[in-house]
Amino acid sequence: MTLPSEPVTLTPAQIADLNQRLATLRHDINNHLSLILAAVEIIRAKPHMAERMSATLAEQPPKITEALQKFSREFERLLGIRHDAPGPRNHAPAPPV
């Protein structure tokens, strides 16, 4: 991952756009979590619905992951973060040898 070498300055319009995208992300994740909770409540109240509700449960985590990945790509694009350079995936210092 290649990070910008200089400080990044965002315009008020970019900050407003980022804030809107964050709000959309929060809304999308909340919707998926609400579906998970609703499916669990239905299963508790009507155990015979478990098989049908399991499909709803299984669909939600990939949708949450997709929403996070979309936001991350847009955020990285806005800040000029590139993934063309190989490097460590985390930024923790290597342990001493």
N, C-alpha and C. Protein backbone atom coordinates (compact mmCIF):
# COMPACT_ATOMS: atom_id res chain seq x y z
N MET A 1 0.85 -1.16 0.00
CA MET A 1 0.00 0.00 0.00
C MET A 1 0.90 1.22 0.00
N THR A 2 0.60 2.14 -0.88
CA THR A 2 1.37 3.37 -0.95
C THR A 2 0.52 4.50 -0.40
N LEU A 3 0.98 5.09 0.69
CA LEU A 3 0.28 6.21 1.31
C LEU A 3 0.82 7.52 0.76
N PRO A 4 0.02 8.57 0.80
CA PRO A 4 0.52 9.87 0.35
C PRO A 4 1.75 10.26 1.17
N SER A 5 2.73 10.87 0.51
CA SER A 5 3.95 11.27 1.21
C SER A 5 3.81 12.65 1.86
N GLU A 6 2.83 13.40 1.45
CA GLU A 6 2.58 14.74 1.99
C GLU A 6 1.23 14.75 2.70
N PRO A 7 1.02 15.71 3.60
CA PRO A 7 -0.30 15.82 4.24
C PRO A 7 -1.39 16.00 3.18
N VAL A 8 -2.55 15.45 3.46
CA VAL A 8 -3.68 15.54 2.55
C VAL A 8 -4.64 16.58 3.09
N THR A 9 -5.02 17.51 2.23
CA THR A 9 -5.98 18.55 2.60
C THR A 9 -7.28 18.28 1.86
N LEU A 10 -8.36 18.26 2.61
CA LEU A 10 -9.67 18.05 2.01
C LEU A 10 -10.42 19.38 1.97
N THR A 11 -11.12 19.59 0.89
CA THR A 11 -11.95 20.79 0.77
C THR A 11 -13.22 20.59 1.59
N PRO A 12 -13.92 21.67 1.92
CA PRO A 12 -15.20 21.50 2.61
C PRO A 12 -16.17 20.59 1.84
N ALA A 13 -16.15 20.69 0.52
CA ALA A 13 -17.03 19.83 -0.28
C ALA A 13 -16.63 18.37 -0.15
N GLN A 14 -15.34 18.08 -0.12
CA GLN A 14 -14.87 16.70 0.04
C GLN A 14 -15.23 16.16 1.42
N ILE A 15 -15.12 17.01 2.43
CA ILE A 15 -15.48 16.59 3.79
C ILE A 15 -16.99 16.31 3.85
N ALA A 16 -17.78 17.17 3.22
CA ALA A 16 -19.23 16.95 3.20
C ALA A 16 -19.56 15.65 2.47
N ASP A 17 -18.86 15.40 1.36
CA ASP A 17 -19.07 14.16 0.61
C ASP A 17 -18.69 12.95 1.45
N LEU A 18 -17.56 13.02 2.12
CA LEU A 18 -17.11 11.93 2.98
C LEU A 18 -18.11 11.69 4.11
N ASN A 19 -18.61 12.76 4.69
CA ASN A 19 -19.60 12.64 5.76
C ASN A 19 -20.87 11.96 5.25
N GLN A 20 -21.30 12.31 4.03
CA GLN A 20 -22.48 11.69 3.44
C GLN A 20 -22.24 10.20 3.19
N ARG A 21 -21.05 9.88 2.70
CA ARG A 21 -20.72 8.48 2.45
C ARG A 21 -20.66 7.68 3.75
N LEU A 22 -20.15 8.29 4.81
CA LEU A 22 -20.14 7.63 6.12
C LEU A 22 -21.56 7.40 6.62
N ALA A 23 -22.42 8.38 6.43
CA ALA A 23 -23.82 8.24 6.85
C ALA A 23 -24.49 7.11 6.08
N THR A 24 -24.22 7.02 4.79
CA THR A 24 -24.77 5.95 3.97
C THR A 24 -24.25 4.60 4.44
N LEU A 25 -22.96 4.52 4.73
CA LEU A 25 -22.36 3.29 5.23
C LEU A 25 -23.01 2.86 6.54
N ARG A 26 -23.15 3.79 7.47
CA ARG A 26 -23.79 3.48 8.76
C ARG A 26 -25.21 2.97 8.54
N HIS A 27 -25.94 3.63 7.66
CA HIS A 27 -27.32 3.25 7.36
C HIS A 27 -27.38 1.84 6.77
N ASP A 28 -26.51 1.57 5.79
CA ASP A 28 -26.50 0.25 5.15
C ASP A 28 -26.17 -0.85 6.15
N ILE A 29 -25.15 -0.63 6.97
CA ILE A 29 -24.77 -1.65 7.95
C ILE A 29 -25.90 -1.84 8.97
N ASN A 30 -26.50 -0.76 9.40
CA ASN A 30 -27.61 -0.86 10.35
C ASN A 30 -28.77 -1.67 9.75
N ASN A 31 -29.06 -1.46 8.47
CA ASN A 31 -30.13 -2.23 7.82
C ASN A 31 -29.82 -3.72 7.82
N HIS A 32 -28.59 -4.07 7.48
CA HIS A 32 -28.22 -5.48 7.46
C HIS A 32 -28.27 -6.09 8.86
N LEU A 33 -27.79 -5.35 9.86
CA LEU A 33 -27.84 -5.85 11.23
C LEU A 33 -29.29 -5.99 11.71
N SER A 34 -30.15 -5.07 11.28
CA SER A 34 -31.57 -5.16 11.65
C SER A 34 -32.20 -6.41 11.06
N LEU A 35 -31.83 -6.75 9.83
CA LEU A 35 -32.35 -7.97 9.22
C LEU A 35 -31.88 -9.21 9.98
N ILE A 36 -30.65 -9.18 10.44
CA ILE A 36 -30.12 -10.31 11.23
C ILE A 36 -30.92 -10.44 12.52
N LEU A 37 -31.13 -9.33 13.22
CA LEU A 37 -31.88 -9.38 14.48
C LEU A 37 -33.32 -9.83 14.24
N ALA A 38 -33.94 -9.33 13.18
CA ALA A 38 -35.33 -9.73 12.89
C ALA A 38 -35.41 -11.22 12.59
N ALA A 39 -34.45 -11.75 11.82
CA ALA A 39 -34.46 -13.17 11.51
C ALA A 39 -34.30 -14.01 12.78
N VAL A 40 -33.42 -13.57 13.68
CA VAL A 40 -33.22 -14.30 14.94
C VAL A 40 -34.50 -14.26 15.78
N GLU A 41 -35.16 -13.12 15.82
CA GLU A 41 -36.41 -13.02 16.59
C GLU A 41 -37.48 -13.93 16.01
N ILE A 42 -37.57 -13.99 14.68
CA ILE A 42 -38.55 -14.87 14.04
C ILE A 42 -38.23 -16.32 14.38
N ILE A 43 -36.98 -16.70 14.31
CA ILE A 43 -36.59 -18.08 14.63
C ILE A 43 -36.93 -18.42 16.08
N ARG A 44 -36.72 -17.47 16.99
CA ARG A 44 -37.06 -17.72 18.40
C ARG A 44 -38.55 -17.91 18.58
N ALA A 45 -39.33 -17.08 17.89
CA ALA A 45 -40.79 -17.14 18.06
C ALA A 45 -41.41 -18.28 17.26
N LYS A 46 -40.80 -18.59 16.12
CA LYS A 46 -41.36 -19.62 15.24
C LYS A 46 -40.22 -20.52 14.75
N PRO A 47 -39.81 -21.45 15.58
CA PRO A 47 -38.67 -22.31 15.22
C PRO A 47 -38.80 -23.00 13.87
N HIS A 48 -40.04 -23.26 13.45
CA HIS A 48 -40.23 -23.92 12.15
C HIS A 48 -39.79 -23.03 10.97
N MET A 49 -39.53 -21.76 11.22
CA MET A 49 -39.08 -20.82 10.18
C MET A 49 -37.55 -20.77 10.06
N ALA A 50 -36.86 -21.55 10.87
CA ALA A 50 -35.39 -21.47 10.94
C ALA A 50 -34.73 -21.67 9.59
N GLU A 51 -35.18 -22.67 8.85
CA GLU A 51 -34.54 -22.94 7.55
C GLU A 51 -34.73 -21.76 6.60
N ARG A 52 -35.91 -21.21 6.57
CA ARG A 52 -36.19 -20.06 5.70
C ARG A 52 -35.40 -18.83 6.12
N MET A 53 -35.30 -18.58 7.41
CA MET A 53 -34.60 -17.40 7.92
C MET A 53 -33.08 -17.55 7.82
N SER A 54 -32.60 -18.78 7.76
CA SER A 54 -31.15 -18.98 7.67
C SER A 54 -30.59 -18.35 6.39
N ALA A 55 -31.37 -18.34 5.32
CA ALA A 55 -30.91 -17.69 4.08
C ALA A 55 -30.72 -16.19 4.32
N THR A 56 -31.66 -15.57 5.01
CA THR A 56 -31.53 -14.14 5.31
C THR A 56 -30.30 -13.89 6.17
N LEU A 57 -30.09 -14.74 7.16
CA LEU A 57 -28.92 -14.58 8.03
C LEU A 57 -27.63 -14.72 7.23
N ALA A 58 -27.56 -15.70 6.37
CA ALA A 58 -26.33 -15.97 5.62
C ALA A 58 -26.03 -14.88 4.59
N GLU A 59 -27.03 -14.17 4.11
CA GLU A 59 -26.83 -13.13 3.09
C GLU A 59 -26.23 -11.84 3.67
N GLN A 60 -26.43 -11.58 4.94
CA GLN A 60 -26.09 -10.27 5.49
C GLN A 60 -24.59 -10.01 5.66
N PRO A 61 -23.79 -10.92 6.22
CA PRO A 61 -22.36 -10.59 6.38
C PRO A 61 -21.65 -10.23 5.08
N PRO A 62 -21.88 -10.95 3.96
CA PRO A 62 -21.21 -10.52 2.73
C PRO A 62 -21.66 -9.13 2.26
N LYS A 63 -22.90 -8.80 2.53
CA LYS A 63 -23.39 -7.47 2.14
C LYS A 63 -22.72 -6.38 2.98
N ILE A 64 -22.51 -6.67 4.26
CA ILE A 64 -21.82 -5.72 5.12
C ILE A 64 -20.37 -5.55 4.65
N THR A 65 -19.72 -6.67 4.36
CA THR A 65 -18.34 -6.63 3.86
C THR A 65 -18.25 -5.83 2.57
N GLU A 66 -19.20 -6.05 1.67
CA GLU A 66 -19.22 -5.33 0.40
C GLU A 66 -19.36 -3.82 0.62
N ALA A 67 -20.25 -3.42 1.54
CA ALA A 67 -20.44 -2.00 1.83
C ALA A 67 -19.16 -1.38 2.40
N LEU A 68 -18.48 -2.11 3.29
CA LEU A 68 -17.23 -1.61 3.86
C LEU A 68 -16.14 -1.50 2.80
N GLN A 69 -16.05 -2.49 1.92
CA GLN A 69 -15.05 -2.46 0.87
C GLN A 69 -15.30 -1.30 -0.10
N LYS A 70 -16.55 -1.08 -0.43
CA LYS A 70 -16.89 0.03 -1.33
C LYS A 70 -16.47 1.36 -0.70
N PHE A 71 -16.82 1.53 0.57
CA PHE A 71 -16.44 2.77 1.26
C PHE A 71 -14.92 2.91 1.30
N SER A 72 -14.22 1.83 1.62
CA SER A 72 -12.76 1.88 1.71
C SER A 72 -12.13 2.28 0.37
N ARG A 73 -12.63 1.70 -0.72
CA ARG A 73 -12.10 2.05 -2.04
C ARG A 73 -12.30 3.54 -2.33
N GLU A 74 -13.48 4.05 -2.02
CA GLU A 74 -13.77 5.47 -2.27
C GLU A 74 -12.90 6.37 -1.38
N PHE A 75 -12.75 5.97 -0.12
CA PHE A 75 -11.93 6.74 0.82
C PHE A 75 -10.47 6.76 0.36
N GLU A 76 -9.96 5.60 -0.02
CA GLU A 76 -8.58 5.51 -0.48
C GLU A 76 -8.37 6.31 -1.76
N ARG A 77 -9.35 6.28 -2.65
CA ARG A 77 -9.26 7.07 -3.88
C ARG A 77 -9.20 8.56 -3.54
N LEU A 78 -10.04 9.00 -2.64
CA LEU A 78 -10.08 10.41 -2.24
C LEU A 78 -8.75 10.85 -1.64
N LEU A 79 -8.13 9.99 -0.85
CA LEU A 79 -6.87 10.34 -0.19
C LEU A 79 -5.63 9.99 -1.01
N GLY A 80 -5.82 9.37 -2.15
CA GLY A 80 -4.68 9.02 -2.99
C GLY A 80 -3.89 7.83 -2.50
N ILE A 81 -4.54 6.93 -1.79
CA ILE A 81 -3.87 5.72 -1.31
C ILE A 81 -3.93 4.69 -2.43
N ARG A 82 -2.76 4.14 -2.78
CA ARG A 82 -2.69 3.16 -3.87
C ARG A 82 -2.30 1.80 -3.32
N HIS A 83 -2.69 0.77 -4.03
CA HIS A 83 -2.36 -0.61 -3.64
C HIS A 83 -1.45 -1.26 -4.67
N ASP A 84 -0.71 -0.46 -5.40
CA ASP A 84 0.14 -1.01 -6.45
C ASP A 84 1.51 -1.45 -5.92
N ALA A 85 1.88 -1.04 -4.74
CA ALA A 85 3.19 -1.41 -4.20
C ALA A 85 3.01 -2.54 -3.19
N PRO A 86 3.79 -3.62 -3.32
CA PRO A 86 3.69 -4.68 -2.32
C PRO A 86 4.22 -4.19 -0.98
N GLY A 87 3.69 -4.73 0.06
CA GLY A 87 4.15 -4.34 1.39
C GLY A 87 3.34 -5.05 2.45
N PRO A 88 3.69 -4.85 3.70
CA PRO A 88 2.96 -5.53 4.77
C PRO A 88 1.54 -5.02 4.84
N ARG A 89 0.62 -5.89 5.24
CA ARG A 89 -0.79 -5.53 5.33
C ARG A 89 -1.09 -4.75 6.61
N ASN A 90 -0.32 -4.96 7.65
CA ASN A 90 -0.54 -4.17 8.87
C ASN A 90 0.68 -3.29 9.08
N HIS A 91 0.52 -2.34 9.92
CA HIS A 91 1.57 -1.36 10.12
C HIS A 91 2.27 -1.53 11.47
N ALA A 92 2.15 -2.70 12.05
CA ALA A 92 2.82 -2.96 13.32
C ALA A 92 4.32 -3.15 13.04
N PRO A 93 5.18 -2.63 13.88
CA PRO A 93 6.62 -2.82 13.66
C PRO A 93 6.98 -4.29 13.78
N ALA A 94 7.96 -4.67 13.03
CA ALA A 94 8.44 -6.06 13.09
C ALA A 94 9.11 -6.29 14.43
N PRO A 95 8.96 -7.49 14.99
CA PRO A 95 9.62 -7.77 16.27
C PRO A 95 11.13 -7.78 16.10
N PRO A 96 11.87 -7.40 17.13
CA PRO A 96 13.33 -7.42 17.04
C PRO A 96 13.85 -8.83 16.86
N VAL A 97 14.95 -8.93 16.14
CA VAL A 97 15.53 -10.26 15.88
C VAL A 97 16.66 -10.54 16.85
